[in-house]
Amino acid sequence: MKILIVADIEGVAGVNAGLQGTPGNAEYERARRLMTNEASAAIRGAIAGGATTVTVADSHGPMRNIIAEDLDPRARLIAGKPRPLTMVDGVTPDHAGVILIGHHAAADDYGVLSHTISGAAFHRIEVNGILAGEPTLFGGYAAEIGVPLLAVSGDDRLEQHVKQQFPEAATITVKTCIGAAASDSLSPDASCRLIEAEVSKAINASPAAKPVAPCQAPFIVDVQLMHQMQADAAVLLPSITRTGPRDIRFTVQSHKDIIGTLAALALMSSAVMA
């Protein structure tokens, strides 16, 4: 049984400030260790639940955050960027499921450090009129190729979002949102114990899990960018139309194309604002 664990940092217990996700400071070094520990807890849970092959995809920011030598050695590690499917690169139709660890609420939603793909680029993303967070996009892609989203860990606002869009997925709430940069969190040890136990249950139950995607093709993607200049650049692409000063729209037929277009827009937005 093959399982992909997609590890992010903003939803990790004890993380509540942007500095903790930004390389080059002591707080980040501490946070990446907490991220590594939660990923290892998920690996332990997956193997205890029956997984035979586990891969962890490092999916925060530079995608080189997990401390490789401290990760449970029974898992493989995907790291570095750019990657064709960004966060969910590595999932294939023969996987039994995807687990999201350390995730967060969507851009323009309540939550600790909430954003979607790039906080510097995207103010809000909707797909077919539905608010899109990273589970919407990456869990949707997995479902599109027949792989269910089995479990997600993060804050209570993420839990609400996931329950609406992926009602069969287990939610593992390790902290409660007080504000954009404030939380009431479990201790790191308690968080890891909870993740290990809940992931094990989710893997055990995975044979009955069904792939669910909250949005179906064709996909009309509406994006509100953070700055007008980013929209100025985006509409240079022939597939994108402008719907407002900072608003753009594109239509595609697959989650893969949503992800690829948004990843390119994020890179373009960074270059424009540099």
C-alpha atoms as a PDB file:
ATOM      1  CA  MET A   1       0.000   0.000   0.000  1.00  0.00           C
ATOM      2  CA  LYS A   2       1.544   3.305  -1.150  1.00  0.00           C
ATOM      3  CA  ILE A   3       0.877   6.559   0.704  1.00  0.00           C
ATOM      4  CA  LEU A   4       1.992  10.111  -0.075  1.00  0.00           C
ATOM      5  CA  ILE A   5       2.359  12.535   2.835  1.00  0.00           C
ATOM      6  CA  VAL A   6       2.332  16.206   1.788  1.00  0.00           C
ATOM      7  CA  ALA A   7       4.052  18.252   4.514  1.00  0.00           C
ATOM      8  CA  ASP A   8       3.574  21.992   5.006  1.00  0.00           C
ATOM      9  CA  ILE A   9       4.643  24.197   7.911  1.00  0.00           C
ATOM     10  CA  GLU A  10       1.916  26.773   8.727  1.00  0.00           C
ATOM     11  CA  GLY A  11      -0.426  24.187  10.246  1.00  0.00           C
ATOM     12  CA  VAL A  12       2.196  22.605  12.505  1.00  0.00           C
ATOM     13  CA  ALA A  13       1.606  22.828  16.271  1.00  0.00           C
ATOM     14  CA  GLY A  14       3.571  25.741  17.714  1.00  0.00           C
ATOM     15  CA  VAL A  15       3.817  27.643  14.415  1.00  0.00           C
ATOM     16  CA  ASN A  16       1.868  30.915  14.174  1.00  0.00           C
ATOM     17  CA  ALA A  17       4.137  33.593  12.650  1.00  0.00           C
ATOM     18  CA  GLY A  18       5.399  34.208   9.141  1.00  0.00           C
ATOM     19  CA  LEU A  19       8.968  34.378  10.441  1.00  0.00           C
ATOM     20  CA  GLN A  20       8.721  30.692  11.351  1.00  0.00           C
ATOM     21  CA  GLY A  21       8.224  29.784   7.699  1.00  0.00           C
ATOM     22  CA  THR A  22      10.978  32.048   6.350  1.00  0.00           C
ATOM     23  CA  PRO A  23      14.512  30.598   6.058  1.00  0.00           C
ATOM     24  CA  GLY A  24      17.416  32.449   7.599  1.00  0.00           C
ATOM     25  CA  ASN A  25      16.492  32.842  11.252  1.00  0.00           C
ATOM     26  CA  ALA A  26      16.409  30.833  14.476  1.00  0.00           C
ATOM     27  CA  GLU A  27      12.602  30.662  14.594  1.00  0.00           C
ATOM     28  CA  TYR A  28      12.535  28.994  11.166  1.00  0.00           C
ATOM     29  CA  GLU A  29      15.130  26.433  12.259  1.00  0.00           C
ATOM     30  CA  ARG A  30      12.915  25.538  15.211  1.00  0.00           C
ATOM     31  CA  ALA A  31       9.765  25.380  13.068  1.00  0.00           C
ATOM     32  CA  ARG A  32      11.315  23.152  10.420  1.00  0.00           C
ATOM     33  CA  ARG A  33      12.284  20.721  13.163  1.00  0.00           C
ATOM     34  CA  LEU A  34       8.670  20.705  14.395  1.00  0.00           C
ATOM     35  CA  MET A  35       7.554  20.132  10.789  1.00  0.00           C
ATOM     36  CA  THR A  36       9.989  17.225  10.440  1.00  0.00           C
ATOM     37  CA  ASN A  37       8.716  15.676  13.668  1.00  0.00           C
ATOM     38  CA  GLU A  38       5.061  15.879  12.565  1.00  0.00           C
ATOM     39  CA  ALA A  39       5.954  14.328   9.201  1.00  0.00           C
ATOM     40  CA  SER A  40       7.740  11.498  11.035  1.00  0.00           C
ATOM     41  CA  ALA A  41       4.682  10.990  13.246  1.00  0.00           C
ATOM     42  CA  ALA A  42       2.551  10.651  10.112  1.00  0.00           C
ATOM     43  CA  ILE A  43       5.036   8.116   8.695  1.00  0.00           C
ATOM     44  CA  ARG A  44       4.830   6.047  11.880  1.00  0.00           C
ATOM     45  CA  GLY A  45       1.036   6.180  11.767  1.00  0.00           C
ATOM     46  CA  ALA A  46       0.901   5.248   8.095  1.00  0.00           C
ATOM     47  CA  ILE A  47       3.143   2.214   8.577  1.00  0.00           C
ATOM     48  CA  ALA A  48       1.240   1.139  11.688  1.00  0.00           C
ATOM     49  CA  GLY A  49      -1.968   1.387   9.667  1.00  0.00           C
ATOM     50  CA  GLY A  50      -0.693  -0.896   6.934  1.00  0.00           C
ATOM     51  CA  ALA A  51       1.250   1.275   4.473  1.00  0.00           C
ATOM     52  CA  THR A  52       4.161  -0.523   2.826  1.00  0.00           C
ATOM     53  CA  THR A  53       5.639   2.413   0.904  1.00  0.00           C
ATOM     54  CA  VAL A  54       5.567   5.964   2.266  1.00  0.00           C
ATOM     55  CA  THR A  55       6.842   9.088   0.542  1.00  0.00           C
ATOM     56  CA  VAL A  56       6.938  12.570   2.068  1.00  0.00           C
ATOM     57  CA  ALA A  57       6.685  15.589  -0.241  1.00  0.00           C
ATOM     58  CA  ASP A  58       8.258  18.687   1.344  1.00  0.00           C
ATOM     59  CA  SER A  59       5.790  21.334   0.193  1.00  0.00           C
ATOM     60  CA  HIS A  60       6.385  24.573   2.055  1.00  0.00           C
ATOM     61  CA  GLY A  61       7.930  27.631   0.387  1.00  0.00           C
ATOM     62  CA  PRO A  62      11.377  26.623  -0.895  1.00  0.00           C
ATOM     63  CA  MET A  63      10.330  22.958  -0.522  1.00  0.00           C
ATOM     64  CA  ARG A  64      13.636  22.253   1.226  1.00  0.00           C
ATOM     65  CA  ASN A  65      12.550  22.484   4.860  1.00  0.00           C
ATOM     66  CA  ILE A  66      12.440  18.964   6.269  1.00  0.00           C
ATOM     67  CA  ILE A  67      15.621  17.935   8.036  1.00  0.00           C
ATOM     68  CA  ALA A  68      16.346  14.808   6.008  1.00  0.00           C
ATOM     69  CA  GLU A  69      18.564  13.103   8.562  1.00  0.00           C
ATOM     70  CA  ASP A  70      15.894  13.481  11.267  1.00  0.00           C
ATOM     71  CA  LEU A  71      12.990  12.159   9.185  1.00  0.00           C
ATOM     72  CA  ASP A  72      11.806   8.605   9.894  1.00  0.00           C
ATOM     73  CA  PRO A  73      14.154   6.617   7.627  1.00  0.00           C
ATOM     74  CA  ARG A  74      11.413   4.295   6.397  1.00  0.00           C
ATOM     75  CA  ALA A  75      10.088   7.032   4.093  1.00  0.00           C
ATOM     76  CA  ARG A  76      11.393   8.524   0.874  1.00  0.00           C
ATOM     77  CA  LEU A  77      11.618  12.321   0.628  1.00  0.00           C
ATOM     78  CA  ILE A  78      10.673  14.538  -2.317  1.00  0.00           C
ATOM     79  CA  ALA A  79      12.169  18.031  -1.968  1.00  0.00           C
ATOM     80  CA  GLY A  80      13.163  21.057  -4.031  1.00  0.00           C
ATOM     81  CA  LYS A  81      11.381  23.175  -6.635  1.00  0.00           C
ATOM     82  CA  PRO A  82      10.004  23.860  -9.150  1.00  0.00           C
ATOM     83  CA  ARG A  83       8.130  20.558  -9.491  1.00  0.00           C
ATOM     84  CA  PRO A  84       5.508  19.832 -12.180  1.00  0.00           C
ATOM     85  CA  LEU A  85       2.700  19.220  -9.656  1.00  0.00           C
ATOM     86  CA  THR A  86       4.288  21.352  -6.928  1.00  0.00           C
ATOM     87  CA  MET A  87       2.957  20.160  -3.548  1.00  0.00           C
ATOM     88  CA  VAL A  88       1.446  16.885  -4.716  1.00  0.00           C
ATOM     89  CA  ASP A  89       4.219  15.836  -7.060  1.00  0.00           C
ATOM     90  CA  GLY A  90       4.839  12.125  -6.564  1.00  0.00           C
ATOM     91  CA  VAL A  91       1.251  10.888  -6.333  1.00  0.00           C
ATOM     92  CA  THR A  92       0.278   8.270  -8.927  1.00  0.00           C
ATOM     93  CA  PRO A  93      -2.909   6.265  -9.550  1.00  0.00           C
ATOM     94  CA  ASP A  94      -1.477   3.281  -7.665  1.00  0.00           C
ATOM     95  CA  HIS A  95      -1.358   5.218  -4.379  1.00  0.00           C
ATOM     96  CA  ALA A  96      -3.942   4.230  -1.772  1.00  0.00           C
ATOM     97  CA  GLY A  97      -4.232   7.762  -0.451  1.00  0.00           C
ATOM     98  CA  VAL A  98      -2.810  11.190   0.301  1.00  0.00           C
ATOM     99  CA  ILE A  99      -2.251  12.676   3.777  1.00  0.00           C
ATOM    100  CA  LEU A 100      -1.796  16.438   4.288  1.00  0.00           C
ATOM    101  CA  ILE A 101       0.243  17.352   7.379  1.00  0.00           C
ATOM    102  CA  GLY A 102       0.798  20.886   8.716  1.00  0.00           C
ATOM    103  CA  HIS A 103      -1.681  22.558   6.368  1.00  0.00           C
ATOM    104  CA  HIS A 104      -3.695  25.765   6.711  1.00  0.00           C
ATOM    105  CA  ALA A 105      -6.870  27.563   5.665  1.00  0.00           C
ATOM    106  CA  ALA A 106      -7.381  29.151   2.256  1.00  0.00           C
ATOM    107  CA  ALA A 107      -6.463  32.653   1.138  1.00  0.00           C
ATOM    108  CA  ASP A 108      -9.173  35.153   2.129  1.00  0.00           C
ATOM    109  CA  ASP A 109     -10.443  32.817   4.857  1.00  0.00           C
ATOM    110  CA  TYR A 110      -9.965  32.891   8.621  1.00  0.00           C
ATOM    111  CA  GLY A 111      -7.045  30.843   9.871  1.00  0.00           C
ATOM    112  CA  VAL A 112      -3.520  30.857  11.203  1.00  0.00           C
ATOM    113  CA  LEU A 113      -1.239  32.043   8.371  1.00  0.00           C
ATOM    114  CA  SER A 114      -4.006  31.317   5.849  1.00  0.00           C
ATOM    115  CA  HIS A 115      -3.091  31.541   2.148  1.00  0.00           C
ATOM    116  CA  THR A 116      -3.271  29.500  -1.045  1.00  0.00           C
ATOM    117  CA  ILE A 117       0.017  28.582  -2.773  1.00  0.00           C
ATOM    118  CA  SER A 118       1.531  32.078  -2.456  1.00  0.00           C
ATOM    119  CA  GLY A 119       0.606  34.712   0.086  1.00  0.00           C
ATOM    120  CA  ALA A 120       2.547  37.256  -1.978  1.00  0.00           C
ATOM    121  CA  ALA A 121       0.555  36.561  -5.151  1.00  0.00           C
ATOM    122  CA  PHE A 122      -3.006  35.457  -4.386  1.00  0.00           C
ATOM    123  CA  HIS A 123      -5.614  37.278  -2.301  1.00  0.00           C
ATOM    124  CA  ARG A 124      -8.392  34.839  -3.204  1.00  0.00           C
ATOM    125  CA  ILE A 125      -8.877  31.896  -5.556  1.00  0.00           C
ATOM    126  CA  GLU A 126     -12.229  30.406  -6.550  1.00  0.00           C
ATOM    127  CA  VAL A 127     -12.842  27.369  -8.721  1.00  0.00           C
ATOM    128  CA  ASN A 128     -16.362  27.169 -10.167  1.00  0.00           C
ATOM    129  CA  GLY A 129     -17.413  29.652  -7.495  1.00  0.00           C
ATOM    130  CA  ILE A 130     -15.970  27.601  -4.606  1.00  0.00           C
ATOM    131  CA  LEU A 131     -13.278  29.081  -2.347  1.00  0.00           C
ATOM    132  CA  ALA A 132     -10.129  27.112  -3.152  1.00  0.00           C
ATOM    133  CA  GLY A 133      -7.483  26.245  -0.613  1.00  0.00           C
ATOM    134  CA  GLU A 134      -4.582  23.924  -1.141  1.00  0.00           C
ATOM    135  CA  PRO A 135      -6.648  20.832  -0.193  1.00  0.00           C
ATOM    136  CA  THR A 136      -9.205  21.863  -2.846  1.00  0.00           C
ATOM    137  CA  LEU A 137      -6.538  21.933  -5.533  1.00  0.00           C
ATOM    138  CA  PHE A 138      -4.188  19.147  -4.531  1.00  0.00           C
ATOM    139  CA  GLY A 139      -6.768  16.831  -2.977  1.00  0.00           C
ATOM    140  CA  GLY A 140      -8.843  17.515  -6.086  1.00  0.00           C
ATOM    141  CA  TYR A 141      -5.961  16.469  -8.346  1.00  0.00           C
ATOM    142  CA  ALA A 142      -5.445  13.252  -6.360  1.00  0.00           C
ATOM    143  CA  ALA A 143      -9.163  12.451  -6.680  1.00  0.00           C
ATOM    144  CA  GLU A 144      -9.007  13.180 -10.404  1.00  0.00           C
ATOM    145  CA  ILE A 145      -6.507  10.324 -10.829  1.00  0.00           C
ATOM    146  CA  GLY A 146      -8.438   8.042  -8.471  1.00  0.00           C
ATOM    147  CA  VAL A 147      -6.585   8.642  -5.186  1.00  0.00           C
ATOM    148  CA  PRO A 148      -8.561   9.683  -2.068  1.00  0.00           C
ATOM    149  CA  LEU A 149      -7.586  12.366   0.427  1.00  0.00           C
ATOM    150  CA  LEU A 150      -7.468  10.382   3.669  1.00  0.00           C
ATOM    151  CA  ALA A 151      -6.510  12.853   6.411  1.00  0.00           C
ATOM    152  CA  VAL A 152      -5.495  16.464   6.971  1.00  0.00           C
ATOM    153  CA  SER A 153      -3.824  18.125   9.973  1.00  0.00           C
ATOM    154  CA  GLY A 154      -3.781  21.822  10.877  1.00  0.00           C
ATOM    155  CA  ASP A 155      -5.951  24.359  12.695  1.00  0.00           C
ATOM    156  CA  ASP A 156      -9.702  24.379  13.385  1.00  0.00           C
ATOM    157  CA  ARG A 157     -10.433  26.705  10.441  1.00  0.00           C
ATOM    158  CA  LEU A 158      -8.794  24.247   8.064  1.00  0.00           C
ATOM    159  CA  GLU A 159     -10.888  21.512   9.659  1.00  0.00           C
ATOM    160  CA  GLN A 160     -14.105  23.375   8.754  1.00  0.00           C
ATOM    161  CA  HIS A 161     -12.927  23.902   5.175  1.00  0.00           C
ATOM    162  CA  VAL A 162     -11.968  20.236   4.702  1.00  0.00           C
ATOM    163  CA  LYS A 163     -15.196  18.914   6.227  1.00  0.00           C
ATOM    164  CA  GLN A 164     -17.175  20.939   3.682  1.00  0.00           C
ATOM    165  CA  GLN A 165     -15.162  19.855   0.658  1.00  0.00           C
ATOM    166  CA  PHE A 166     -13.880  16.385   1.599  1.00  0.00           C
ATOM    167  CA  PRO A 167     -16.440  15.053   4.095  1.00  0.00           C
ATOM    168  CA  GLU A 168     -14.907  11.560   4.226  1.00  0.00           C
ATOM    169  CA  ALA A 169     -11.380  12.746   5.058  1.00  0.00           C
ATOM    170  CA  ALA A 170     -10.236  12.621   8.685  1.00  0.00           C
ATOM    171  CA  THR A 171      -9.345  15.991  10.213  1.00  0.00           C
ATOM    172  CA  ILE A 172      -6.605  16.241  12.830  1.00  0.00           C
ATOM    173  CA  THR A 173      -6.843  19.555  14.681  1.00  0.00           C
ATOM    174  CA  VAL A 174      -3.607  20.441  16.463  1.00  0.00           C
ATOM    175  CA  LYS A 175      -4.392  24.102  17.203  1.00  0.00           C
ATOM    176  CA  THR A 176      -7.220  26.624  17.376  1.00  0.00           C
ATOM    177  CA  CYS A 177      -7.062  29.890  15.465  1.00  0.00           C
ATOM    178  CA  ILE A 178      -7.079  33.037  17.604  1.00  0.00           C
ATOM    179  CA  GLY A 179      -5.964  35.273  14.739  1.00  0.00           C
ATOM    180  CA  ALA A 180      -3.864  35.369  11.594  1.00  0.00           C
ATOM    181  CA  ALA A 181      -0.698  35.083  13.683  1.00  0.00           C
ATOM    182  CA  ALA A 182      -2.010  33.704  16.980  1.00  0.00           C
ATOM    183  CA  SER A 183      -3.133  30.256  18.063  1.00  0.00           C
ATOM    184  CA  ASP A 184      -3.984  28.004  20.989  1.00  0.00           C
ATOM    185  CA  SER A 185      -1.871  24.943  20.224  1.00  0.00           C
ATOM    186  CA  LEU A 186      -1.226  21.460  21.478  1.00  0.00           C
ATOM    187  CA  SER A 187       2.338  20.842  22.585  1.00  0.00           C
ATOM    188  CA  PRO A 188       4.547  19.433  19.814  1.00  0.00           C
ATOM    189  CA  ASP A 189       4.715  16.058  21.568  1.00  0.00           C
ATOM    190  CA  ALA A 190       0.931  15.873  21.980  1.00  0.00           C
ATOM    191  CA  SER A 191       0.468  16.896  18.364  1.00  0.00           C
ATOM    192  CA  CYS A 192       2.759  14.145  17.139  1.00  0.00           C
ATOM    193  CA  ARG A 193       0.985  11.520  19.245  1.00  0.00           C
ATOM    194  CA  LEU A 194      -2.390  12.652  17.882  1.00  0.00           C
ATOM    195  CA  ILE A 195      -1.165  12.661  14.274  1.00  0.00           C
ATOM    196  CA  GLU A 196       0.350   9.202  14.584  1.00  0.00           C
ATOM    197  CA  ALA A 197      -2.853   7.735  16.052  1.00  0.00           C
ATOM    198  CA  GLU A 198      -5.249   9.427  13.613  1.00  0.00           C
ATOM    199  CA  VAL A 199      -3.174   8.691  10.516  1.00  0.00           C
ATOM    200  CA  SER A 200      -3.003   5.027  11.540  1.00  0.00           C
ATOM    201  CA  LYS A 201      -6.814   4.935  11.773  1.00  0.00           C
ATOM    202  CA  ALA A 202      -7.191   6.665   8.412  1.00  0.00           C
ATOM    203  CA  ILE A 203      -4.838   4.221   6.675  1.00  0.00           C
ATOM    204  CA  ASN A 204      -6.622   1.276   8.262  1.00  0.00           C
ATOM    205  CA  ALA A 205      -9.903   2.556   6.853  1.00  0.00           C
ATOM    206  CA  SER A 206      -8.461   3.492   3.449  1.00  0.00           C
ATOM    207  CA  PRO A 207      -9.773   0.457   1.497  1.00  0.00           C
ATOM    208  CA  ALA A 208     -13.270   1.920   1.874  1.00  0.00           C
ATOM    209  CA  ALA A 209     -12.251   5.487   0.990  1.00  0.00           C
ATOM    210  CA  LYS A 210     -13.599   7.067  -2.190  1.00  0.00           C
ATOM    211  CA  PRO A 211     -11.861   9.741  -4.265  1.00  0.00           C
ATOM    212  CA  VAL A 212     -13.791  12.994  -3.879  1.00  0.00           C
ATOM    213  CA  ALA A 213     -13.152  16.288  -5.681  1.00  0.00           C
ATOM    214  CA  PRO A 214     -15.231  19.334  -4.666  1.00  0.00           C
ATOM    215  CA  CYS A 215     -15.057  20.774  -8.215  1.00  0.00           C
ATOM    216  CA  GLN A 216     -15.670  19.130 -11.571  1.00  0.00           C
ATOM    217  CA  ALA A 217     -14.437  20.069 -15.074  1.00  0.00           C
ATOM    218  CA  PRO A 218     -14.647  22.391 -16.855  1.00  0.00           C
ATOM    219  CA  PHE A 219     -12.952  24.599 -14.276  1.00  0.00           C
ATOM    220  CA  ILE A 220     -13.542  28.335 -14.302  1.00  0.00           C
ATOM    221  CA  VAL A 221     -10.815  29.771 -12.079  1.00  0.00           C
ATOM    222  CA  ASP A 222     -11.220  33.288 -10.699  1.00  0.00           C
ATOM    223  CA  VAL A 223      -8.148  34.791  -9.075  1.00  0.00           C
ATOM    224  CA  GLN A 224      -7.789  38.033  -7.168  1.00  0.00           C
ATOM    225  CA  LEU A 225      -4.131  38.979  -7.085  1.00  0.00           C
ATOM    226  CA  MET A 226      -2.473  41.042  -4.382  1.00  0.00           C
ATOM    227  CA  HIS A 227      -1.349  43.881  -6.677  1.00  0.00           C
ATOM    228  CA  GLN A 228      -2.588  45.442  -9.920  1.00  0.00           C
ATOM    229  CA  MET A 229       0.853  45.045 -11.529  1.00  0.00           C
ATOM    230  CA  GLN A 230       0.601  41.265 -11.075  1.00  0.00           C
ATOM    231  CA  ALA A 231      -2.625  41.297 -13.099  1.00  0.00           C
ATOM    232  CA  ASP A 232      -0.920  43.487 -15.704  1.00  0.00           C
ATOM    233  CA  ALA A 233       1.628  40.694 -16.172  1.00  0.00           C
ATOM    234  CA  ALA A 234      -0.842  37.808 -15.956  1.00  0.00           C
ATOM    235  CA  VAL A 235      -2.961  38.998 -18.872  1.00  0.00           C
ATOM    236  CA  LEU A 236       0.070  38.794 -21.167  1.00  0.00           C
ATOM    237  CA  LEU A 237      -0.763  35.075 -21.246  1.00  0.00           C
ATOM    238  CA  PRO A 238      -3.342  34.427 -24.013  1.00  0.00           C
ATOM    239  CA  SER A 239      -5.381  32.026 -21.853  1.00  0.00           C
ATOM    240  CA  ILE A 240      -6.073  34.650 -19.164  1.00  0.00           C
ATOM    241  CA  THR A 241      -8.684  37.402 -19.213  1.00  0.00           C
ATOM    242  CA  ARG A 242      -8.994  40.372 -16.891  1.00  0.00           C
ATOM    243  CA  THR A 243     -12.157  40.830 -14.844  1.00  0.00           C
ATOM    244  CA  GLY A 244     -11.032  43.715 -12.586  1.00  0.00           C
ATOM    245  CA  PRO A 245      -7.999  45.782 -11.557  1.00  0.00           C
ATOM    246  CA  ARG A 246      -6.474  42.834  -9.661  1.00  0.00           C
ATOM    247  CA  ASP A 247      -8.825  40.121 -10.933  1.00  0.00           C
ATOM    248  CA  ILE A 248      -8.215  37.540 -13.647  1.00  0.00           C
ATOM    249  CA  ARG A 249      -9.978  34.428 -14.971  1.00  0.00           C
ATOM    250  CA  PHE A 250      -8.959  31.329 -16.886  1.00  0.00           C
ATOM    251  CA  THR A 251     -10.735  28.118 -17.897  1.00  0.00           C
ATOM    252  CA  VAL A 252      -9.083  24.683 -17.986  1.00  0.00           C
ATOM    253  CA  GLN A 253     -10.150  21.041 -18.101  1.00  0.00           C
ATOM    254  CA  SER A 254      -8.040  19.448 -15.344  1.00  0.00           C
ATOM    255  CA  HIS A 255      -6.717  20.048 -11.849  1.00  0.00           C
ATOM    256  CA  LYS A 256      -3.233  19.568 -13.284  1.00  0.00           C
ATOM    257  CA  ASP A 257      -3.770  22.605 -15.503  1.00  0.00           C
ATOM    258  CA  ILE A 258      -5.154  24.656 -12.590  1.00  0.00           C
ATOM    259  CA  ILE A 259      -2.066  23.830 -10.527  1.00  0.00           C
ATOM    260  CA  GLY A 260       0.359  24.514 -13.379  1.00  0.00           C
ATOM    261  CA  THR A 261      -1.237  27.845 -14.255  1.00  0.00           C
ATOM    262  CA  LEU A 262      -1.316  29.029 -10.645  1.00  0.00           C
ATOM    263  CA  ALA A 263       2.300  27.943 -10.082  1.00  0.00           C
ATOM    264  CA  ALA A 264       3.378  29.915 -13.168  1.00  0.00           C
ATOM    265  CA  LEU A 265       1.371  32.947 -12.011  1.00  0.00           C
ATOM    266  CA  ALA A 266       3.028  32.770  -8.576  1.00  0.00           C
ATOM    267  CA  LEU A 267       6.502  32.751 -10.167  1.00  0.00           C
ATOM    268  CA  MET A 268       5.525  35.568 -12.525  1.00  0.00           C
ATOM    269  CA  SER A 269       4.076  37.609  -9.653  1.00  0.00           C
ATOM    270  CA  SER A 270       7.299  37.263  -7.669  1.00  0.00           C
ATOM    271  CA  ALA A 271       9.364  38.466 -10.622  1.00  0.00           C
ATOM    272  CA  VAL A 272       7.100  41.467 -11.258  1.00  0.00           C
ATOM    273  CA  MET A 273       7.292  42.595  -7.630  1.00  0.00           C
ATOM    274  CA  ALA A 274      11.035  41.999  -7.237  1.00  0.00           C
END
